[in-house]
Amino acid sequence: MSDNFLDDKRWKEAEHRAKVLAALPEQLGPGDIETATQALGVSWATLFRLVKRYREDRRTSSLLPRTRGPRRAMRPFDPAIEVIVRHHFAKLYATRRKPTRTRFWREIAADCRAEGLPPPSIRRLGRWLEEQDQAELMRRREGKGKAEPVFLATPGKFDAAKPLDIVQIDHTKVDVTVVDPVTRLAVGRPTLTLAIDVNTRMALGFYLSLEPPSLMAVALCLTHAVMDKGPWLAARGIGNAWPSRGIPKLIHVDNGAEFHARAFERACSEYGIDLSYRPPGTPRFGGHIERLIGTMMGAIHFLPGSHFSNSQERGDLDSQAEAVMTLRELETWLALEITGSYHARVHRALDLPPQAVWNARTGDSPPRLPSDPRQFLIDFLPGEERVLQRDGLHLFHIRYWADELRRLMGSALRKVTIHYDPRDLSCVFVRTGEGIIEARPADLTRPSITLWEHRAARRALRDAGRKAVDEDLIFSTILAQRELVDEAQRTTKAIRRERNRRSHLPPQKMIDVTPEPGGRTSTAATQAEGGKPAKLPYYEVEEWDDD
């Protein structure tokens, strides 16, 4: 069928013609011809053409009145002109320069005149353009991202049969500025890492930080998604339920570097989690997490300090001046929005609230949980391979040691994997065949530092022309930078961000390194109050005291 069916008048005319012609006998006599020509208001020649068309096709649409003049695309260009048109189409019109149709015609007309050929009219050239592949033309002129929403057919759907069969994870820059908890001055826009269960549309967990997307953010988001969130909610004074938890069967992500990290792929394999990546440049394959992110950002736009979706919506509003929420307050607000609003509303794709669907579909089959939550987090942290040397392990120009490493010194393969938390380099985790060994700086007087402080100190030393950088220089530079930050009279955004990065670290204390009887020096793990092993608060994933 063609666009002619949109014209009711022409269609009624075709119906009238069909009724008249259907009543004619197979062999037309003079009386039949006279009656038909008068009924249709046509000449004898036109009547015979209509009869021929109708008897060959037997469809009413074959009798639609045709417009006068030459039919569209019936006459091809002269071969010489066709060569000129296609040359300028490929080299000029179908390119990211996106010239107008008039400019396209002018270039063709100039070459035609130079060859002594009659140039085609701009209207005929327009009809020729309409006959080309419009999807391919738009991709070449606008790019794949703009062409796909217009021309790409998406008849299928991406769905999961059971809860935790497919979990999608993605990052986004939050459309709101947060403030420093001490000075209440703006520090910038945080990054949200969010996970969703495709089957039930439950938001499984999230992580909020002031850093760009990273493997650490993925590890903490996934740990939050897998664990029981009751203690985490109680620590923030939230009484709503958040029942979703468990290890997913498959994680569906984009092609970010953090999702292709060896530590992430190996940890997923360790827990029997399959990985699936979207095809590059196809955000529609992550539609579930993209819609959830859009829902969260739409709610955030009502907060003071919002940047809205674009500068036109924001207008002349000063988002930094309007900002009032700290990172921790925004985290609590997001948890309330998820548990008290999103999970409780009827989802259009489910016709039920996500929490009700989760409770119904997981009642008979409880989710699979890790036996050791702390081990689960460590397995997903970034890792580096290092050779165990006689004086210990060297990572980020810091020498680490633990007494348990002594028994590995004589082994043939002394190359080990070290996992670290960028938020605190005062403890790293050494993976061995028997388990995980916690190693700390060999010099126990070293303060807790973050990886971002370490990198800033390295940059400062390189800028100062120090090519040979040792551990003492790094830590002394960090302490000097901290003193400058703490004593600065004018607090800038960069300084406030640096303070927030280390706000979760314990205050620096002097550590007694007096040798114990027997010649052994006490370690940080045995110097906690009461003689019990010291615990890092931000590794206790059920508490979630970090920023």
Protein backbone atom coordinates (compact mmCIF):
# COMPACT_ATOMS: atom_id res chain seq x y z
CA MET A 1 0.00 0.00 0.00
CA SER A 2 1.14 3.55 -0.63
CA ASP A 3 0.52 6.99 0.76
CA ASN A 4 -2.43 7.27 -1.65
CA PHE A 5 -4.62 5.56 0.92
CA LEU A 6 -4.37 8.62 3.12
CA ASP A 7 -6.36 10.57 0.49
CA ASP A 8 -10.02 9.67 1.11
CA LYS A 9 -11.25 11.49 -1.98
CA ARG A 10 -8.99 9.52 -4.32
CA TRP A 11 -9.84 6.27 -2.59
CA LYS A 12 -13.59 6.87 -3.00
CA GLU A 13 -12.97 7.55 -6.67
CA ALA A 14 -11.18 4.19 -6.97
CA GLU A 15 -14.08 2.43 -5.23
CA HIS A 16 -16.55 4.00 -7.69
CA ARG A 17 -14.42 2.87 -10.64
CA ALA A 18 -14.21 -0.66 -9.26
CA LYS A 19 -18.00 -0.93 -8.93
CA VAL A 20 -18.56 0.28 -12.51
CA LEU A 21 -15.89 -1.95 -14.04
CA ALA A 22 -16.91 -5.01 -12.02
CA ALA A 23 -20.41 -4.77 -13.57
CA LEU A 24 -19.09 -4.82 -17.15
CA PRO A 25 -19.29 -8.06 -19.12
CA GLU A 26 -16.19 -9.88 -20.33
CA GLN A 27 -16.83 -8.81 -23.94
CA LEU A 28 -17.60 -5.07 -24.12
CA GLY A 29 -20.24 -3.89 -26.57
CA PRO A 30 -20.86 -0.31 -27.76
CA GLY A 31 -23.63 0.14 -25.22
CA ASP A 32 -21.45 -1.07 -22.34
CA ILE A 33 -18.65 1.30 -23.36
CA GLU A 34 -21.02 4.26 -23.60
CA THR A 35 -22.57 3.55 -20.22
CA ALA A 36 -19.17 3.13 -18.51
CA THR A 37 -17.61 6.27 -20.01
CA GLN A 38 -20.58 8.36 -18.89
CA ALA A 39 -20.57 6.84 -15.38
CA LEU A 40 -16.83 7.39 -14.94
CA GLY A 41 -16.53 10.64 -16.89
CA VAL A 42 -13.58 9.40 -18.94
CA SER A 43 -12.78 8.90 -22.61
CA TRP A 44 -12.86 5.60 -24.46
CA ALA A 45 -9.02 5.32 -24.31
CA THR A 46 -8.97 5.92 -20.56
CA LEU A 47 -11.76 3.40 -20.03
CA PHE A 48 -9.83 0.67 -21.84
CA ARG A 49 -6.69 1.46 -19.78
CA LEU A 50 -8.72 1.19 -16.56
CA VAL A 51 -10.32 -2.07 -17.65
CA LYS A 52 -6.90 -3.51 -18.47
CA ARG A 53 -5.42 -2.45 -15.11
CA TYR A 54 -8.40 -3.77 -13.13
CA ARG A 55 -8.61 -7.13 -14.87
CA GLU A 56 -4.86 -7.72 -14.47
CA ASP A 57 -4.79 -6.81 -10.75
CA ARG A 58 -8.39 -7.13 -9.46
CA ARG A 59 -7.61 -4.71 -6.64
CA THR A 60 -9.34 -1.42 -5.97
CA SER A 61 -6.00 0.31 -5.39
CA SER A 62 -5.04 -0.34 -9.03
CA LEU A 63 -7.74 2.16 -10.04
CA LEU A 64 -6.50 5.05 -7.90
CA PRO A 65 -6.36 8.27 -9.93
CA ARG A 66 -2.81 9.07 -10.95
CA THR A 67 -1.26 12.52 -10.88
CA ARG A 68 -0.40 14.27 -14.11
CA GLY A 69 3.14 14.60 -15.39
CA PRO A 70 6.05 12.18 -15.37
CA ARG A 71 6.07 9.57 -12.61
CA ARG A 72 8.62 10.01 -9.83
CA ALA A 73 11.94 8.25 -10.36
CA MET A 74 10.78 6.91 -13.71
CA ARG A 75 13.47 8.57 -15.81
CA PRO A 76 17.05 7.88 -14.69
CA PHE A 77 19.80 10.43 -15.06
CA ASP A 78 21.96 10.39 -18.12
CA PRO A 79 24.92 8.08 -17.31
CA ALA A 80 27.41 10.95 -17.48
CA ILE A 81 25.28 13.07 -15.15
CA GLU A 82 24.77 10.06 -12.85
CA VAL A 83 28.54 9.79 -12.41
CA ILE A 84 28.79 13.47 -11.37
CA VAL A 85 25.82 13.21 -8.98
CA ARG A 86 27.12 10.10 -7.24
CA HIS A 87 30.62 11.57 -6.94
CA HIS A 88 29.37 14.67 -5.10
CA PHE A 89 26.93 12.58 -3.07
CA ALA A 90 29.74 10.41 -1.69
CA LYS A 91 32.37 13.13 -1.29
CA LEU A 92 30.21 16.06 -0.19
CA TYR A 93 26.55 15.48 0.64
CA ALA A 94 26.77 12.19 2.57
CA THR A 95 29.48 13.44 4.95
CA ARG A 96 29.66 15.03 8.41
CA ARG A 97 30.01 18.44 6.71
CA LYS A 98 26.24 18.19 6.01
CA PRO A 99 25.92 20.69 3.12
CA THR A 100 22.48 21.95 2.15
CA ARG A 101 20.64 20.55 -0.84
CA THR A 102 21.18 23.85 -2.68
CA ARG A 103 24.96 23.66 -2.18
CA PHE A 104 24.88 20.05 -3.37
CA TRP A 105 23.01 21.09 -6.54
CA ARG A 106 25.40 23.98 -7.23
CA GLU A 107 28.45 21.71 -7.16
CA ILE A 108 26.75 19.26 -9.55
CA ALA A 109 25.58 22.04 -11.87
CA ALA A 110 29.10 23.51 -12.05
CA ASP A 111 30.61 20.17 -13.10
CA CYS A 112 27.80 19.50 -15.57
CA ARG A 113 28.34 22.87 -17.28
CA ALA A 114 32.07 22.24 -17.40
CA GLU A 115 31.38 18.94 -19.20
CA GLY A 116 28.81 20.52 -21.54
CA LEU A 117 25.91 18.62 -19.94
CA PRO A 118 22.49 20.01 -18.94
CA PRO A 119 22.39 20.12 -15.13
CA PRO A 120 19.39 18.43 -13.45
CA SER A 121 16.86 20.63 -11.70
CA ILE A 122 17.04 20.92 -7.93
CA ARG A 123 13.58 19.34 -7.63
CA ARG A 124 14.62 16.28 -9.62
CA LEU A 125 17.81 16.06 -7.61
CA GLY A 126 15.66 16.13 -4.46
CA ARG A 127 13.60 13.20 -5.75
CA TRP A 128 16.84 11.30 -6.42
CA LEU A 129 17.99 11.94 -2.85
CA GLU A 130 14.68 10.64 -1.48
CA GLU A 131 15.26 7.34 -3.28
CA GLN A 132 18.57 6.74 -1.46
CA ASP A 133 18.90 4.73 1.74
CA GLN A 134 17.82 7.32 4.32
CA ALA A 135 19.12 5.38 7.34
CA GLU A 136 22.59 5.06 5.83
CA LEU A 137 22.51 8.71 4.72
CA MET A 138 21.66 9.90 8.23
CA ARG A 139 24.39 7.72 9.77
CA ARG A 140 26.96 9.27 7.43
CA ARG A 141 25.74 12.83 8.00
CA GLU A 142 24.74 12.74 11.70
CA GLY A 143 26.53 9.74 13.15
CA LYS A 144 25.31 6.33 14.28
CA GLY A 145 23.98 7.58 17.62
CA LYS A 146 21.40 9.89 16.00
CA ALA A 147 20.42 7.56 13.18
CA GLU A 148 19.62 4.50 15.29
CA PRO A 149 16.76 6.00 17.35
CA VAL A 150 15.06 7.08 14.10
CA PHE A 151 15.59 4.13 11.77
CA LEU A 152 16.65 1.14 13.90
CA ALA A 153 13.94 -1.46 14.45
CA THR A 154 13.98 -2.98 17.96
CA PRO A 155 11.20 -5.58 17.97
CA GLY A 156 12.84 -7.82 20.61
CA LYS A 157 13.29 -7.32 24.32
CA PHE A 158 15.97 -8.00 26.91
CA ASP A 159 14.50 -9.87 29.85
CA ALA A 160 15.40 -12.34 32.60
CA ALA A 161 13.43 -15.37 33.71
CA LYS A 162 14.18 -15.19 37.44
CA PRO A 163 15.50 -12.70 40.02
CA LEU A 164 19.29 -12.25 39.88
CA ASP A 165 19.50 -13.99 36.50
CA ILE A 166 20.70 -10.71 34.96
CA VAL A 167 22.00 -7.66 36.82
CA GLN A 168 22.98 -4.44 35.06
CA ILE A 169 25.53 -2.00 36.50
CA ASP A 170 26.39 1.48 35.22
CA HIS A 171 27.78 4.84 36.34
CA THR A 172 26.48 8.38 35.98
CA LYS A 173 27.48 11.87 37.04
CA VAL A 174 24.87 13.00 39.54
CA ASP A 175 23.06 16.21 38.56
CA VAL A 176 23.63 17.92 41.92
CA THR A 177 26.52 19.57 43.74
CA VAL A 178 27.41 18.35 47.25
CA VAL A 179 29.08 20.35 50.02
CA ASP A 180 31.86 19.73 52.53
CA PRO A 181 30.47 18.40 55.85
CA VAL A 182 32.63 20.85 57.87
CA THR A 183 32.70 24.08 55.88
CA ARG A 184 29.41 23.48 53.98
CA LEU A 185 31.12 24.76 50.84
CA ALA A 186 30.64 23.15 47.43
CA VAL A 187 33.03 20.30 46.52
CA GLY A 188 31.56 19.16 43.18
CA ARG A 189 29.26 16.62 41.59
CA PRO A 190 29.55 13.00 42.77
CA THR A 191 29.49 9.83 40.68
CA LEU A 192 26.73 7.27 41.21
CA THR A 193 27.31 3.57 40.52
CA LEU A 194 23.99 1.73 40.45
CA ALA A 195 22.86 -1.91 40.01
CA ILE A 196 19.42 -3.19 38.95
CA ASP A 197 17.85 -6.64 38.75
CA VAL A 198 16.33 -6.99 35.28
CA ASN A 199 13.64 -9.50 36.28
CA THR A 200 12.10 -7.60 39.21
CA ARG A 201 13.39 -4.07 38.41
CA MET A 202 14.69 -3.85 41.99
CA ALA A 203 17.54 -1.43 42.63
CA LEU A 204 20.01 -3.91 44.15
CA GLY A 205 22.55 -1.43 45.50
CA PHE A 206 24.59 1.69 44.79
CA TYR A 207 27.79 3.50 45.65
CA LEU A 208 28.31 7.26 45.72
CA SER A 209 31.72 8.94 45.58
CA LEU A 210 33.53 12.05 44.39
CA GLU A 211 35.83 10.03 42.14
CA PRO A 212 35.36 9.08 38.47
CA PRO A 213 34.10 5.57 37.60
CA SER A 214 36.55 2.92 38.79
CA LEU A 215 36.87 -0.72 39.74
CA MET A 216 36.65 0.30 43.41
CA ALA A 217 33.23 1.87 42.79
CA VAL A 218 32.07 -1.32 41.04
CA ALA A 219 33.37 -3.47 43.91
CA LEU A 220 31.60 -1.42 46.58
CA CYS A 221 28.37 -1.19 44.56
CA LEU A 222 28.34 -4.92 43.93
CA THR A 223 29.11 -5.65 47.60
CA HIS A 224 26.24 -3.38 48.61
CA ALA A 225 23.97 -5.20 46.15
CA VAL A 226 24.92 -8.67 47.37
CA MET A 227 24.82 -8.11 51.15
CA ASP A 228 21.98 -7.73 53.64
CA LYS A 229 21.30 -4.00 53.81
CA GLY A 230 19.55 -3.99 57.19
CA PRO A 231 22.57 -2.77 59.24
CA TRP A 232 23.46 -0.27 56.50
CA LEU A 233 19.97 1.24 56.58
CA ALA A 234 19.90 1.29 60.39
CA ALA A 235 23.20 3.19 60.48
CA ARG A 236 21.52 5.95 58.45
CA GLY A 237 18.31 6.00 60.46
CA ILE A 238 16.22 4.52 57.65
CA GLY A 239 13.36 2.26 58.70
CA ASN A 240 12.31 1.14 55.20
CA ALA A 241 12.93 -2.42 54.06
CA TRP A 242 15.39 -3.21 51.26
CA PRO A 243 15.11 -6.99 50.83
CA SER A 244 17.10 -7.44 47.61
CA ARG A 245 20.42 -9.24 48.02
CA GLY A 246 22.34 -12.18 46.57
CA ILE A 247 25.02 -13.08 44.03
CA PRO A 248 23.83 -12.59 40.43
CA LYS A 249 24.17 -15.25 37.74
CA LEU A 250 25.12 -12.75 35.04
CA ILE A 251 26.30 -9.14 35.12
CA HIS A 252 25.52 -7.04 32.04
CA VAL A 253 27.72 -3.96 31.63
CA ASP A 254 29.08 -1.56 29.04
CA ASN A 255 32.65 -1.52 27.73
CA GLY A 256 34.20 0.70 30.42
CA ALA A 257 37.80 -0.08 31.34
CA GLU A 258 36.82 -0.95 34.91
CA PHE A 259 34.54 -3.74 33.65
CA HIS A 260 37.35 -5.22 31.56
CA ALA A 261 39.84 -5.13 34.43
CA ARG A 262 41.47 -8.48 35.10
CA ALA A 263 40.58 -8.31 38.81
CA PHE A 264 36.89 -7.83 37.98
CA GLU A 265 36.78 -10.65 35.44
CA ARG A 266 38.65 -13.02 37.76
CA ALA A 267 36.43 -12.18 40.75
CA CYS A 268 33.29 -12.81 38.69
CA SER A 269 34.70 -16.17 37.65
CA GLU A 270 35.56 -16.92 41.29
CA TYR A 271 31.90 -16.60 42.31
CA GLY A 272 30.39 -18.22 39.22
CA ILE A 273 29.16 -14.93 37.73
CA ASP A 274 28.99 -14.70 33.95
CA LEU A 275 29.89 -11.42 32.25
CA SER A 276 28.10 -9.93 29.26
CA TYR A 277 29.11 -6.71 27.49
CA ARG A 278 26.94 -4.41 25.42
CA PRO A 279 27.95 -3.90 21.80
CA PRO A 280 29.93 -0.63 21.62
CA GLY A 281 27.83 2.46 21.01
CA THR A 282 24.49 0.77 21.74
CA PRO A 283 23.04 2.23 24.96
CA ARG A 284 19.65 0.65 24.18
CA PHE A 285 21.08 -2.71 25.30
CA GLY A 286 21.32 -1.26 28.81
CA GLY A 287 17.81 0.13 28.79
CA HIS A 288 16.83 -1.10 32.26
CA ILE A 289 19.69 0.56 34.13
CA GLU A 290 19.49 3.64 31.89
CA ARG A 291 15.82 4.12 32.76
CA LEU A 292 16.49 3.63 36.47
CA ILE A 293 19.28 6.21 36.33
CA GLY A 294 16.93 8.58 34.51
CA THR A 295 14.29 8.05 37.21
CA MET A 296 16.80 8.82 39.98
CA MET A 297 18.15 11.90 38.21
CA GLY A 298 14.61 13.17 37.63
CA ALA A 299 13.98 13.02 41.38
CA ILE A 300 17.33 14.65 42.17
CA HIS A 301 16.41 17.67 40.05
CA PHE A 302 14.13 18.79 42.89
CA LEU A 303 17.08 19.05 45.32
CA PRO A 304 18.84 22.35 46.03
CA GLY A 305 22.07 22.50 44.09
CA SER A 306 20.67 20.60 41.10
CA HIS A 307 22.27 21.14 37.69
CA PHE A 308 19.19 19.78 35.89
CA SER A 309 19.61 17.86 32.63
CA ASN A 310 21.15 20.72 30.63
CA SER A 311 22.12 24.37 30.79
CA GLN A 312 18.83 25.50 29.21
CA GLU A 313 16.80 23.98 32.03
CA ARG A 314 19.21 25.36 34.62
CA GLY A 315 19.12 28.88 33.22
CA ASP A 316 20.96 31.40 35.42
CA LEU A 317 20.63 29.29 38.58
CA ASP A 318 23.93 29.05 40.50
CA SER A 319 23.97 25.36 41.46
CA GLN A 320 27.05 25.67 43.66
CA ALA A 321 25.59 28.54 45.64
CA GLU A 322 22.33 26.61 46.09
CA ALA A 323 24.01 23.37 47.21
CA VAL A 324 23.30 22.28 50.80
CA MET A 325 23.67 18.47 50.96
CA THR A 326 26.80 16.57 51.94
CA LEU A 327 27.81 13.33 50.24
CA ARG A 328 26.53 11.32 53.22
CA GLU A 329 23.21 13.20 53.24
CA LEU A 330 22.77 12.66 49.51
CA GLU A 331 23.49 8.96 50.01
CA THR A 332 20.77 8.76 52.68
CA TRP A 333 18.36 10.70 50.45
CA LEU A 334 18.97 8.30 47.56
CA ALA A 335 18.37 5.30 49.82
CA LEU A 336 15.05 6.83 50.93
CA GLU A 337 14.08 7.58 47.33
CA ILE A 338 14.81 3.99 46.30
CA THR A 339 13.24 2.16 49.24
CA GLY A 340 10.35 4.50 50.02
CA SER A 341 9.35 5.64 46.54
CA TYR A 342 10.75 3.65 43.62
CA HIS A 343 10.35 0.19 45.16
CA ALA A 344 6.84 1.01 46.37
CA ARG A 345 5.42 2.46 43.13
CA VAL A 346 3.72 0.37 40.48
CA HIS A 347 6.22 -0.27 37.69
CA ARG A 348 4.74 0.08 34.21
CA ALA A 349 6.51 -3.03 32.89
CA LEU A 350 5.41 -5.16 35.86
CA ASP A 351 2.00 -3.73 36.82
CA LEU A 352 3.20 -4.22 40.39
CA PRO A 353 5.71 -2.50 42.71
CA PRO A 354 9.25 -3.95 42.28
CA GLN A 355 9.46 -4.90 45.97
CA ALA A 356 6.23 -6.91 45.77
CA VAL A 357 7.55 -8.74 42.69
CA TRP A 358 10.86 -9.47 44.44
CA ASN A 359 9.14 -10.88 47.53
CA ALA A 360 6.83 -13.04 45.44
CA ARG A 361 9.49 -14.45 43.12
CA THR A 362 12.18 -15.14 45.76
CA GLY A 363 9.93 -16.69 48.40
CA ASP A 364 10.60 -20.29 47.36
CA SER A 365 14.21 -19.86 46.17
CA PRO A 366 16.40 -17.80 48.52
CA PRO A 367 19.28 -16.00 46.79
CA ARG A 368 22.86 -17.29 46.88
CA LEU A 369 25.00 -15.33 49.38
CA PRO A 370 28.80 -15.25 49.86
CA SER A 371 30.05 -17.16 52.88
CA ASP A 372 32.50 -14.36 53.76
CA PRO A 373 31.27 -10.82 52.94
CA ARG A 374 34.68 -9.26 53.65
CA GLN A 375 36.40 -11.76 51.36
CA PHE A 376 33.83 -10.97 48.64
CA LEU A 377 34.74 -7.27 48.76
CA ILE A 378 38.49 -7.95 48.73
CA ASP A 379 38.16 -10.22 45.68
CA PHE A 380 36.64 -7.37 43.65
CA LEU A 381 39.15 -4.71 44.74
CA PRO A 382 41.84 -3.62 42.24
CA GLY A 383 44.90 -5.85 42.20
CA GLU A 384 48.53 -5.83 41.10
CA GLU A 385 51.05 -8.65 40.73
CA ARG A 386 54.31 -8.20 42.59
CA VAL A 387 57.38 -10.31 43.31
CA LEU A 388 57.92 -11.11 46.98
CA GLN A 389 61.40 -9.79 47.69
CA ARG A 390 63.59 -10.39 50.71
CA ASP A 391 62.52 -7.12 52.31
CA GLY A 392 58.81 -7.57 51.52
CA LEU A 393 56.40 -6.38 48.85
CA HIS A 394 56.72 -3.05 47.04
CA LEU A 395 53.55 -1.33 45.82
CA PHE A 396 53.20 2.39 44.94
CA HIS A 397 56.77 2.93 46.23
CA ILE A 398 55.69 1.70 49.67
CA ARG A 399 57.26 -1.38 51.27
CA TYR A 400 54.75 -3.75 52.88
CA TRP A 401 55.43 -6.59 55.26
CA ALA A 402 53.60 -9.23 57.33
CA ASP A 403 55.10 -12.01 59.45
CA GLU A 404 53.04 -14.57 57.52
CA LEU A 405 55.06 -13.76 54.39
CA ARG A 406 58.15 -15.43 55.87
CA ARG A 407 56.93 -18.91 54.96
CA LEU A 408 56.55 -17.84 51.30
CA MET A 409 60.15 -16.70 50.98
CA GLY A 410 61.46 -20.16 50.11
CA SER A 411 58.80 -21.04 47.56
CA ALA A 412 59.75 -21.35 43.91
CA LEU A 413 57.05 -18.94 42.72
CA ARG A 414 57.17 -15.79 44.80
CA LYS A 415 54.99 -13.66 42.50
CA VAL A 416 51.75 -12.83 44.31
CA THR A 417 48.60 -10.79 43.69
CA ILE A 418 48.03 -7.79 45.93
CA HIS A 419 44.55 -6.27 46.32
CA TYR A 420 44.29 -2.72 47.62
CA ASP A 421 41.63 -0.19 48.52
CA PRO A 422 42.48 3.19 46.95
CA ARG A 423 40.82 4.93 49.90
CA ASP A 424 43.43 3.63 52.36
CA LEU A 425 46.87 2.31 51.46
CA SER A 426 47.75 1.51 55.09
CA CYS A 427 46.71 -2.09 54.48
CA VAL A 428 46.89 -4.34 51.41
CA PHE A 429 45.67 -7.89 50.92
CA VAL A 430 48.07 -10.54 49.60
CA ARG A 431 46.43 -13.49 47.88
CA THR A 432 48.12 -16.83 48.55
CA GLY A 433 47.15 -20.44 48.01
CA GLU A 434 46.02 -20.69 51.63
CA GLY A 435 44.02 -17.47 51.75
CA ILE A 436 44.46 -13.73 52.25
CA ILE A 437 47.31 -12.14 54.24
CA GLU A 438 47.00 -8.55 55.44
CA ALA A 439 50.23 -6.62 54.92
CA ARG A 440 50.98 -3.16 56.28
CA PRO A 441 53.79 -0.67 55.67
CA ALA A 442 57.03 -2.00 57.08
CA ASP A 443 57.43 1.34 58.85
CA LEU A 444 54.48 1.32 61.23
CA THR A 445 54.75 5.04 61.88
CA ARG A 446 53.46 5.77 58.40
CA PRO A 447 50.08 7.54 58.43
CA SER A 448 47.05 6.29 56.52
CA ILE A 449 46.96 7.82 53.05
CA THR A 450 44.76 7.53 49.99
CA LEU A 451 45.89 6.63 46.50
CA TRP A 452 44.87 10.12 45.31
CA GLU A 453 47.14 11.72 47.92
CA HIS A 454 49.92 9.41 46.82
CA ARG A 455 49.53 10.39 43.17
CA ALA A 456 49.37 14.10 44.06
CA ALA A 457 52.61 13.76 46.03
CA ARG A 458 54.29 11.97 43.13
CA ARG A 459 53.23 14.75 40.76
CA ALA A 460 54.55 17.38 43.15
CA LEU A 461 57.90 15.62 43.41
CA ARG A 462 58.18 15.23 39.64
CA ASP A 463 57.35 18.91 39.18
CA ALA A 464 60.11 19.70 41.64
CA GLY A 465 62.57 17.77 39.49
CA ARG A 466 62.98 14.80 41.83
CA LYS A 467 63.47 11.83 39.53
CA ALA A 468 64.42 9.32 42.22
CA VAL A 469 61.37 9.14 44.48
CA ASP A 470 61.56 7.09 47.66
CA GLU A 471 59.04 6.20 50.34
CA ASP A 472 60.22 8.84 52.84
CA LEU A 473 59.83 11.60 50.28
CA ILE A 474 56.31 10.50 49.37
CA PHE A 475 55.04 10.41 52.95
CA SER A 476 56.79 13.64 53.97
CA THR A 477 55.32 15.36 50.91
CA ILE A 478 51.82 14.10 51.77
CA LEU A 479 52.12 15.32 55.37
CA ALA A 480 53.31 18.71 54.16
CA GLN A 481 50.41 18.91 51.70
CA ARG A 482 47.93 17.97 54.42
CA GLU A 483 49.26 20.74 56.64
CA LEU A 484 48.84 23.25 53.84
CA VAL A 485 45.30 22.03 53.21
CA ASP A 486 44.31 22.18 56.87
CA GLU A 487 45.80 25.64 57.40
CA ALA A 488 44.71 27.25 54.16
CA GLN A 489 42.85 30.51 54.73
CA ARG A 490 40.91 30.36 51.51
CA THR A 491 39.29 26.98 50.98
CA THR A 492 39.06 26.13 47.30
CA LYS A 493 37.03 23.41 45.69
CA ALA A 494 40.12 21.27 45.10
CA ILE A 495 41.14 21.48 48.75
CA ARG A 496 37.64 20.64 49.97
CA ARG A 497 37.58 17.65 47.64
CA GLU A 498 40.96 16.47 49.00
CA ARG A 499 39.72 16.69 52.58
CA ASN A 500 36.62 14.67 51.67
CA ARG A 501 38.76 11.99 50.09
CA ARG A 502 40.43 11.22 53.42
CA SER A 503 37.58 12.03 55.80
CA HIS A 504 36.95 8.31 56.44
CA LEU A 505 40.54 7.65 57.59
CA PRO A 506 41.26 7.34 61.33
CA PRO A 507 43.16 10.26 62.94
CA GLN A 508 46.92 9.90 62.86
CA LYS A 509 48.35 8.44 66.06
CA MET A 510 51.86 7.65 67.26
CA ILE A 511 52.49 3.89 67.31
CA ASP A 512 54.77 2.19 69.81
CA VAL A 513 57.27 0.00 68.02
CA THR A 514 59.09 -1.22 71.16
CA PRO A 515 60.41 -4.77 70.58
CA GLU A 516 58.49 -7.44 72.42
CA PRO A 517 60.19 -10.17 74.44
CA GLY A 518 61.76 -12.58 72.01
CA GLY A 519 62.92 -9.83 69.65
CA ARG A 520 59.69 -9.48 67.65
CA THR A 521 58.29 -6.08 66.92
CA SER A 522 54.58 -5.69 67.52
CA THR A 523 52.51 -5.12 64.40
CA ALA A 524 49.55 -2.84 63.81
CA ALA A 525 47.26 -5.86 63.93
CA THR A 526 48.24 -6.56 67.60
CA GLN A 527 48.31 -2.97 68.83
CA ALA A 528 44.60 -2.33 68.96
CA GLU A 529 43.06 -1.62 72.31
CA GLY A 530 42.70 -4.78 74.38
CA GLY A 531 45.31 -6.65 72.34
CA LYS A 532 42.75 -7.74 69.75
CA PRO A 533 43.43 -7.47 66.04
CA ALA A 534 42.67 -4.01 64.68
CA LYS A 535 39.84 -3.78 62.16
CA LEU A 536 39.46 -1.25 59.40
CA PRO A 537 35.95 0.20 59.80
CA TYR A 538 35.32 0.65 56.10
CA TYR A 539 36.00 -3.02 55.37
CA GLU A 540 33.16 -4.09 57.65
CA VAL A 541 30.71 -4.04 54.78
CA GLU A 542 27.69 -4.38 57.06
CA GLU A 543 28.46 -1.04 58.70
CA TRP A 544 29.34 1.05 55.62
CA ASP A 545 30.87 3.94 57.50
CA ASP A 546 32.74 5.16 54.45
CA ASP A 547 31.84 8.18 52.37
